[in-house]
Amino acid sequence: MTDTAHDAPRAPAATSTALFAFAIIYGGMVCIAGVLANKQVALGPLAVEAGIFAFLILVATSSAVAELYGRQIANRLVLIGFVPLVISMLLTAIVLALPAAADMPADRQAAFEAILAGTPRIWAAGIIAYGVSQMLNVTIFSWLKREGGRLLWLRSAVASVLSQIVDTLLFISIAFYGVFPIGQLIVGQAIAKVILSIVMVPLLIMLLVSIGRRLDARAASLQP
């Protein structure tokens, strides 16, 4: 089999093990990203909200799906990702609105609300930034491959860096513009995300693509 045939996107089987696994991972990361974002972590001199790790896994997963199955299916995965995102937000709002049990400690209740409570503006920022940045990532990644890009690590790094810069601009601008000065926050977050995108995403995508091919090959070998 030639390299071209090996690298070409293929239509997944109806029961593609890899695509099913990627969809589960993707849905989980969509839901947990907002929770992790409540913590700022120090990476040497850089400070970044921890939700970036879940978003980088989202980027890697959608890119791996684009590499294996093509842009159309990757875009469909991104669109389906809105479902768990919106459901998790609605469920969070419902739970926050329900009265706490009488025996629930006040400090625990306050911590729960501090972590999960969010304004409609922040939630809207998360939805918009997610949709635009993930679609942009798939588009750039797929375009670079169509233009003859053979270097998976380079395509993944370029697409991730550009999409994460857009994600940062959209989310911080929509969520916090007019609340406090956002220029320094945007620059700091963008630098951190660019560095993490270059370091982490290419390795994650290559790992996921390798796992996906092996899972599908094994599933195909077990079919009668």
C-alpha atoms as a PDB file:
ATOM      1  CA  MET A   1       0.000   0.000   0.000  1.00  0.00           C
ATOM      2  CA  THR A   2       1.372   3.436  -0.917  1.00  0.00           C
ATOM      3  CA  ASP A   3       1.779   6.265   1.576  1.00  0.00           C
ATOM      4  CA  THR A   4      -0.886   8.249  -0.254  1.00  0.00           C
ATOM      5  CA  ALA A   5      -3.431   5.495   0.107  1.00  0.00           C
ATOM      6  CA  HIS A   6      -2.454   4.999   3.729  1.00  0.00           C
ATOM      7  CA  ASP A   7      -2.897   8.680   4.615  1.00  0.00           C
ATOM      8  CA  ALA A   8      -6.104   9.320   2.664  1.00  0.00           C
ATOM      9  CA  PRO A   9      -9.224   9.860   4.818  1.00  0.00           C
ATOM     10  CA  ARG A  10     -11.592   6.941   4.692  1.00  0.00           C
ATOM     11  CA  ALA A  11     -15.275   6.578   5.404  1.00  0.00           C
ATOM     12  CA  PRO A  12     -15.627   4.910   8.805  1.00  0.00           C
ATOM     13  CA  ALA A  13     -17.563   1.722   9.218  1.00  0.00           C
ATOM     14  CA  ALA A  14     -20.917   2.060  10.925  1.00  0.00           C
ATOM     15  CA  THR A  15     -19.378   0.537  14.042  1.00  0.00           C
ATOM     16  CA  SER A  16     -15.938   2.198  13.866  1.00  0.00           C
ATOM     17  CA  THR A  17     -14.337   1.492  17.230  1.00  0.00           C
ATOM     18  CA  ALA A  18     -11.933   4.405  16.973  1.00  0.00           C
ATOM     19  CA  LEU A  19     -14.545   6.979  15.977  1.00  0.00           C
ATOM     20  CA  PHE A  20     -16.836   5.796  18.789  1.00  0.00           C
ATOM     21  CA  ALA A  21     -13.982   6.126  21.302  1.00  0.00           C
ATOM     22  CA  PHE A  22     -13.009   9.560  19.988  1.00  0.00           C
ATOM     23  CA  ALA A  23     -16.606  10.763  20.277  1.00  0.00           C
ATOM     24  CA  ILE A  24     -16.752   9.688  23.942  1.00  0.00           C
ATOM     25  CA  ILE A  25     -13.456  11.423  24.713  1.00  0.00           C
ATOM     26  CA  TYR A  26     -14.605  14.546  22.877  1.00  0.00           C
ATOM     27  CA  GLY A  27     -17.919  14.764  24.742  1.00  0.00           C
ATOM     28  CA  GLY A  28     -16.200  14.328  28.090  1.00  0.00           C
ATOM     29  CA  MET A  29     -13.646  17.050  27.399  1.00  0.00           C
ATOM     30  CA  VAL A  30     -16.364  19.470  26.269  1.00  0.00           C
ATOM     31  CA  CYS A  31     -18.107  19.071  29.627  1.00  0.00           C
ATOM     32  CA  ILE A  32     -15.070  19.148  31.925  1.00  0.00           C
ATOM     33  CA  ALA A  33     -13.235  22.079  30.298  1.00  0.00           C
ATOM     34  CA  GLY A  34     -15.391  24.723  31.955  1.00  0.00           C
ATOM     35  CA  VAL A  35     -14.948  23.179  35.403  1.00  0.00           C
ATOM     36  CA  LEU A  36     -11.161  22.934  35.067  1.00  0.00           C
ATOM     37  CA  ALA A  37     -11.018  26.552  33.918  1.00  0.00           C
ATOM     38  CA  ASN A  38     -11.757  27.676  37.472  1.00  0.00           C
ATOM     39  CA  LYS A  39      -8.161  26.928  38.463  1.00  0.00           C
ATOM     40  CA  GLN A  40      -5.159  28.926  37.299  1.00  0.00           C
ATOM     41  CA  VAL A  41      -2.042  26.796  37.079  1.00  0.00           C
ATOM     42  CA  ALA A  42       1.562  27.989  37.001  1.00  0.00           C
ATOM     43  CA  LEU A  43       3.739  26.629  34.199  1.00  0.00           C
ATOM     44  CA  GLY A  44       7.071  28.198  34.987  1.00  0.00           C
ATOM     45  CA  PRO A  45       6.672  31.953  34.419  1.00  0.00           C
ATOM     46  CA  LEU A  46       3.323  31.470  32.656  1.00  0.00           C
ATOM     47  CA  ALA A  47      -0.115  31.312  34.253  1.00  0.00           C
ATOM     48  CA  VAL A  48      -2.928  29.615  32.375  1.00  0.00           C
ATOM     49  CA  GLU A  49      -6.430  28.444  33.199  1.00  0.00           C
ATOM     50  CA  ALA A  50      -6.466  24.667  33.516  1.00  0.00           C
ATOM     51  CA  GLY A  51      -9.335  24.278  31.065  1.00  0.00           C
ATOM     52  CA  ILE A  52      -6.759  24.637  28.272  1.00  0.00           C
ATOM     53  CA  PHE A  53      -5.676  21.035  28.809  1.00  0.00           C
ATOM     54  CA  ALA A  54      -9.174  19.773  28.014  1.00  0.00           C
ATOM     55  CA  PHE A  55      -9.389  22.108  25.017  1.00  0.00           C
ATOM     56  CA  LEU A  56      -6.066  20.867  23.655  1.00  0.00           C
ATOM     57  CA  ILE A  57      -7.425  17.321  23.863  1.00  0.00           C
ATOM     58  CA  LEU A  58     -10.488  18.548  21.947  1.00  0.00           C
ATOM     59  CA  VAL A  59      -8.209  20.040  19.299  1.00  0.00           C
ATOM     60  CA  ALA A  60      -6.164  16.856  19.068  1.00  0.00           C
ATOM     61  CA  THR A  61      -9.244  14.647  18.867  1.00  0.00           C
ATOM     62  CA  SER A  62     -10.999  16.651  16.146  1.00  0.00           C
ATOM     63  CA  SER A  63      -7.749  16.830  14.152  1.00  0.00           C
ATOM     64  CA  ALA A  64      -7.206  13.074  14.499  1.00  0.00           C
ATOM     65  CA  VAL A  65     -10.742  12.469  13.220  1.00  0.00           C
ATOM     66  CA  ALA A  66     -10.072  14.832  10.288  1.00  0.00           C
ATOM     67  CA  GLU A  67      -6.861  12.953   9.508  1.00  0.00           C
ATOM     68  CA  LEU A  68      -8.507   9.530   9.626  1.00  0.00           C
ATOM     69  CA  TYR A  69     -12.002  10.183   8.299  1.00  0.00           C
ATOM     70  CA  GLY A  70     -11.965  13.594   6.633  1.00  0.00           C
ATOM     71  CA  ARG A  71     -13.089  17.143   7.322  1.00  0.00           C
ATOM     72  CA  GLN A  72     -16.825  16.502   7.019  1.00  0.00           C
ATOM     73  CA  ILE A  73     -16.921  13.940   9.813  1.00  0.00           C
ATOM     74  CA  ALA A  74     -14.615  16.060  11.996  1.00  0.00           C
ATOM     75  CA  ASN A  75     -16.946  19.037  11.569  1.00  0.00           C
ATOM     76  CA  ARG A  76     -19.877  16.827  12.460  1.00  0.00           C
ATOM     77  CA  LEU A  77     -18.081  15.819  15.651  1.00  0.00           C
ATOM     78  CA  VAL A  78     -17.593  19.489  16.535  1.00  0.00           C
ATOM     79  CA  LEU A  79     -21.280  20.223  15.930  1.00  0.00           C
ATOM     80  CA  ILE A  80     -22.392  17.244  18.001  1.00  0.00           C
ATOM     81  CA  GLY A  81     -20.107  18.564  20.743  1.00  0.00           C
ATOM     82  CA  PHE A  82     -22.573  21.417  21.252  1.00  0.00           C
ATOM     83  CA  VAL A  83     -25.073  18.899  22.638  1.00  0.00           C
ATOM     84  CA  PRO A  84     -23.188  17.837  25.797  1.00  0.00           C
ATOM     85  CA  LEU A  85     -21.913  21.410  26.203  1.00  0.00           C
ATOM     86  CA  VAL A  86     -25.388  22.958  26.237  1.00  0.00           C
ATOM     87  CA  ILE A  87     -26.916  20.102  28.262  1.00  0.00           C
ATOM     88  CA  SER A  88     -24.196  20.392  30.914  1.00  0.00           C
ATOM     89  CA  MET A  89     -24.785  24.158  31.158  1.00  0.00           C
ATOM     90  CA  LEU A  90     -28.557  23.749  31.468  1.00  0.00           C
ATOM     91  CA  LEU A  91     -28.188  20.986  34.039  1.00  0.00           C
ATOM     92  CA  THR A  92     -25.753  23.125  36.022  1.00  0.00           C
ATOM     93  CA  ALA A  93     -28.224  26.021  36.003  1.00  0.00           C
ATOM     94  CA  ILE A  94     -31.027  23.738  37.202  1.00  0.00           C
ATOM     95  CA  VAL A  95     -28.936  22.243  40.017  1.00  0.00           C
ATOM     96  CA  LEU A  96     -27.806  25.703  41.147  1.00  0.00           C
ATOM     97  CA  ALA A  97     -31.424  26.884  41.220  1.00  0.00           C
ATOM     98  CA  LEU A  98     -32.594  23.957  43.344  1.00  0.00           C
ATOM     99  CA  PRO A  99     -32.473  24.529  47.129  1.00  0.00           C
ATOM    100  CA  ALA A 100     -29.626  22.836  48.977  1.00  0.00           C
ATOM    101  CA  ALA A 101     -30.374  20.174  51.552  1.00  0.00           C
ATOM    102  CA  ALA A 102     -30.705  21.495  55.083  1.00  0.00           C
ATOM    103  CA  ASP A 103     -27.763  19.446  56.338  1.00  0.00           C
ATOM    104  CA  MET A 104     -25.366  20.520  53.560  1.00  0.00           C
ATOM    105  CA  PRO A 105     -22.497  22.513  55.133  1.00  0.00           C
ATOM    106  CA  ALA A 106     -22.563  26.199  54.196  1.00  0.00           C
ATOM    107  CA  ASP A 107     -18.898  26.242  53.185  1.00  0.00           C
ATOM    108  CA  ARG A 108     -19.436  23.301  50.845  1.00  0.00           C
ATOM    109  CA  GLN A 109     -22.451  25.005  49.286  1.00  0.00           C
ATOM    110  CA  ALA A 110     -20.472  28.224  48.798  1.00  0.00           C
ATOM    111  CA  ALA A 111     -17.579  26.346  47.199  1.00  0.00           C
ATOM    112  CA  PHE A 112     -19.969  24.505  44.861  1.00  0.00           C
ATOM    113  CA  GLU A 113     -21.573  27.745  43.731  1.00  0.00           C
ATOM    114  CA  ALA A 114     -18.221  29.504  43.355  1.00  0.00           C
ATOM    115  CA  ILE A 115     -16.955  26.777  41.026  1.00  0.00           C
ATOM    116  CA  LEU A 116     -20.047  26.132  38.928  1.00  0.00           C
ATOM    117  CA  ALA A 117     -21.929  29.427  38.898  1.00  0.00           C
ATOM    118  CA  GLY A 118     -21.420  31.449  35.759  1.00  0.00           C
ATOM    119  CA  THR A 119     -23.073  34.425  34.159  1.00  0.00           C
ATOM    120  CA  PRO A 120     -24.988  34.024  30.887  1.00  0.00           C
ATOM    121  CA  ARG A 121     -22.301  36.190  29.305  1.00  0.00           C
ATOM    122  CA  ILE A 122     -19.535  33.762  30.305  1.00  0.00           C
ATOM    123  CA  TRP A 123     -21.574  30.772  29.144  1.00  0.00           C
ATOM    124  CA  ALA A 124     -22.268  32.461  25.809  1.00  0.00           C
ATOM    125  CA  ALA A 125     -18.561  33.236  25.459  1.00  0.00           C
ATOM    126  CA  GLY A 126     -17.724  29.582  26.035  1.00  0.00           C
ATOM    127  CA  ILE A 127     -20.200  28.344  23.425  1.00  0.00           C
ATOM    128  CA  ILE A 128     -19.110  30.848  20.765  1.00  0.00           C
ATOM    129  CA  ALA A 129     -15.382  30.411  21.382  1.00  0.00           C
ATOM    130  CA  TYR A 130     -15.727  26.625  21.335  1.00  0.00           C
ATOM    131  CA  GLY A 131     -17.641  26.507  18.048  1.00  0.00           C
ATOM    132  CA  VAL A 132     -15.527  29.015  16.138  1.00  0.00           C
ATOM    133  CA  SER A 133     -12.127  27.794  17.332  1.00  0.00           C
ATOM    134  CA  GLN A 134     -12.873  24.093  16.824  1.00  0.00           C
ATOM    135  CA  MET A 135     -14.292  24.618  13.340  1.00  0.00           C
ATOM    136  CA  LEU A 136     -11.291  26.792  12.498  1.00  0.00           C
ATOM    137  CA  ASN A 137      -8.902  24.109  13.740  1.00  0.00           C
ATOM    138  CA  VAL A 138     -10.504  21.434  11.544  1.00  0.00           C
ATOM    139  CA  THR A 139     -10.601  23.796   8.548  1.00  0.00           C
ATOM    140  CA  ILE A 140      -6.936  24.813   8.782  1.00  0.00           C
ATOM    141  CA  PHE A 141      -5.752  21.283   9.506  1.00  0.00           C
ATOM    142  CA  SER A 142      -7.693  19.857   6.558  1.00  0.00           C
ATOM    143  CA  TRP A 143      -6.651  22.668   4.199  1.00  0.00           C
ATOM    144  CA  LEU A 144      -2.966  22.147   4.970  1.00  0.00           C
ATOM    145  CA  LYS A 145      -3.340  18.457   4.191  1.00  0.00           C
ATOM    146  CA  ARG A 146      -5.201  19.179   0.944  1.00  0.00           C
ATOM    147  CA  GLU A 147      -2.422  21.527  -0.105  1.00  0.00           C
ATOM    148  CA  GLY A 148       0.032  18.672   0.057  1.00  0.00           C
ATOM    149  CA  GLY A 149       1.071  18.928   3.676  1.00  0.00           C
ATOM    150  CA  ARG A 150       2.633  15.613   4.648  1.00  0.00           C
ATOM    151  CA  LEU A 151       4.031  16.596   8.033  1.00  0.00           C
ATOM    152  CA  LEU A 152       1.330  15.685  10.533  1.00  0.00           C
ATOM    153  CA  TRP A 153       3.129  17.330  13.449  1.00  0.00           C
ATOM    154  CA  LEU A 154       3.513  20.621  11.582  1.00  0.00           C
ATOM    155  CA  ARG A 155      -0.076  20.725  10.341  1.00  0.00           C
ATOM    156  CA  SER A 156      -1.382  19.964  13.820  1.00  0.00           C
ATOM    157  CA  ALA A 157       0.806  22.611  15.477  1.00  0.00           C
ATOM    158  CA  VAL A 158      -0.152  25.357  12.998  1.00  0.00           C
ATOM    159  CA  ALA A 159      -3.881  24.608  13.192  1.00  0.00           C
ATOM    160  CA  SER A 160      -3.826  24.389  16.979  1.00  0.00           C
ATOM    161  CA  VAL A 161      -1.858  27.599  17.482  1.00  0.00           C
ATOM    162  CA  LEU A 162      -4.120  29.667  15.216  1.00  0.00           C
ATOM    163  CA  SER A 163      -7.357  28.227  16.591  1.00  0.00           C
ATOM    164  CA  GLN A 164      -6.277  28.721  20.207  1.00  0.00           C
ATOM    165  CA  ILE A 165      -5.370  32.354  19.581  1.00  0.00           C
ATOM    166  CA  VAL A 166      -8.854  32.894  18.155  1.00  0.00           C
ATOM    167  CA  ASP A 167     -10.384  31.001  21.082  1.00  0.00           C
ATOM    168  CA  THR A 168      -8.573  33.276  23.551  1.00  0.00           C
ATOM    169  CA  LEU A 169      -9.579  36.476  21.744  1.00  0.00           C
ATOM    170  CA  LEU A 170     -13.225  35.464  21.496  1.00  0.00           C
ATOM    171  CA  PHE A 171     -13.718  34.084  24.987  1.00  0.00           C
ATOM    172  CA  ILE A 172     -11.967  36.830  26.940  1.00  0.00           C
ATOM    173  CA  SER A 173     -13.440  39.627  24.803  1.00  0.00           C
ATOM    174  CA  ILE A 174     -17.008  38.345  25.010  1.00  0.00           C
ATOM    175  CA  ALA A 175     -16.840  37.352  28.671  1.00  0.00           C
ATOM    176  CA  PHE A 176     -14.892  40.226  30.207  1.00  0.00           C
ATOM    177  CA  TYR A 177     -14.736  43.255  27.866  1.00  0.00           C
ATOM    178  CA  GLY A 178     -15.882  46.285  29.832  1.00  0.00           C
ATOM    179  CA  VAL A 179     -15.604  44.443  33.146  1.00  0.00           C
ATOM    180  CA  PHE A 180     -11.860  44.987  33.554  1.00  0.00           C
ATOM    181  CA  PRO A 181      -8.851  45.636  31.273  1.00  0.00           C
ATOM    182  CA  ILE A 182      -8.326  42.516  29.189  1.00  0.00           C
ATOM    183  CA  GLY A 183      -5.247  43.300  27.097  1.00  0.00           C
ATOM    184  CA  GLN A 184      -2.685  41.766  29.448  1.00  0.00           C
ATOM    185  CA  LEU A 185      -4.906  38.752  30.105  1.00  0.00           C
ATOM    186  CA  ILE A 186      -5.299  38.069  26.377  1.00  0.00           C
ATOM    187  CA  VAL A 187      -1.560  38.308  25.737  1.00  0.00           C
ATOM    188  CA  GLY A 188      -0.648  36.069  28.664  1.00  0.00           C
ATOM    189  CA  GLN A 189      -3.237  33.419  27.835  1.00  0.00           C
ATOM    190  CA  ALA A 190      -2.364  33.482  24.128  1.00  0.00           C
ATOM    191  CA  ILE A 191       1.344  32.989  24.781  1.00  0.00           C
ATOM    192  CA  ALA A 192       0.667  30.101  27.162  1.00  0.00           C
ATOM    193  CA  LYS A 193      -1.743  28.434  24.736  1.00  0.00           C
ATOM    194  CA  VAL A 194       0.636  28.821  21.799  1.00  0.00           C
ATOM    195  CA  ILE A 195       3.456  27.180  23.727  1.00  0.00           C
ATOM    196  CA  LEU A 196       1.231  24.337  24.941  1.00  0.00           C
ATOM    197  CA  SER A 197      -0.180  23.870  21.427  1.00  0.00           C
ATOM    198  CA  ILE A 198       3.300  23.471  19.971  1.00  0.00           C
ATOM    199  CA  VAL A 199       4.502  21.140  22.731  1.00  0.00           C
ATOM    200  CA  MET A 200       1.445  18.970  23.368  1.00  0.00           C
ATOM    201  CA  VAL A 201      -0.895  18.881  20.386  1.00  0.00           C
ATOM    202  CA  PRO A 202       1.341  17.295  17.706  1.00  0.00           C
ATOM    203  CA  LEU A 203       2.254  14.449  20.067  1.00  0.00           C
ATOM    204  CA  LEU A 204      -1.384  13.930  21.064  1.00  0.00           C
ATOM    205  CA  ILE A 205      -2.596  13.879  17.458  1.00  0.00           C
ATOM    206  CA  MET A 206       0.069  11.437  16.317  1.00  0.00           C
ATOM    207  CA  LEU A 207      -0.780   9.198  19.283  1.00  0.00           C
ATOM    208  CA  LEU A 208      -4.535   9.353  18.589  1.00  0.00           C
ATOM    209  CA  VAL A 209      -4.088   8.721  14.858  1.00  0.00           C
ATOM    210  CA  SER A 210      -1.906   5.700  15.599  1.00  0.00           C
ATOM    211  CA  ILE A 211      -4.407   4.353  18.138  1.00  0.00           C
ATOM    212  CA  GLY A 212      -7.306   5.001  15.763  1.00  0.00           C
ATOM    213  CA  ARG A 213      -5.700   3.096  12.910  1.00  0.00           C
ATOM    214  CA  ARG A 214      -4.901   0.162  15.161  1.00  0.00           C
ATOM    215  CA  LEU A 215      -8.401   0.030  16.634  1.00  0.00           C
ATOM    216  CA  ASP A 216     -10.057   0.127  13.213  1.00  0.00           C
ATOM    217  CA  ALA A 217      -7.613  -2.408  11.792  1.00  0.00           C
ATOM    218  CA  ARG A 218      -8.277  -4.767  14.665  1.00  0.00           C
ATOM    219  CA  ALA A 219     -12.048  -4.327  14.328  1.00  0.00           C
ATOM    220  CA  ALA A 220     -11.802  -5.006  10.590  1.00  0.00           C
ATOM    221  CA  SER A 221      -9.780  -8.171  11.181  1.00  0.00           C
ATOM    222  CA  LEU A 222     -12.452  -9.508  13.538  1.00  0.00           C
ATOM    223  CA  GLN A 223     -15.277  -9.040  11.050  1.00  0.00           C
ATOM    224  CA  PRO A 224     -16.390 -12.184   9.218  1.00  0.00           C
END
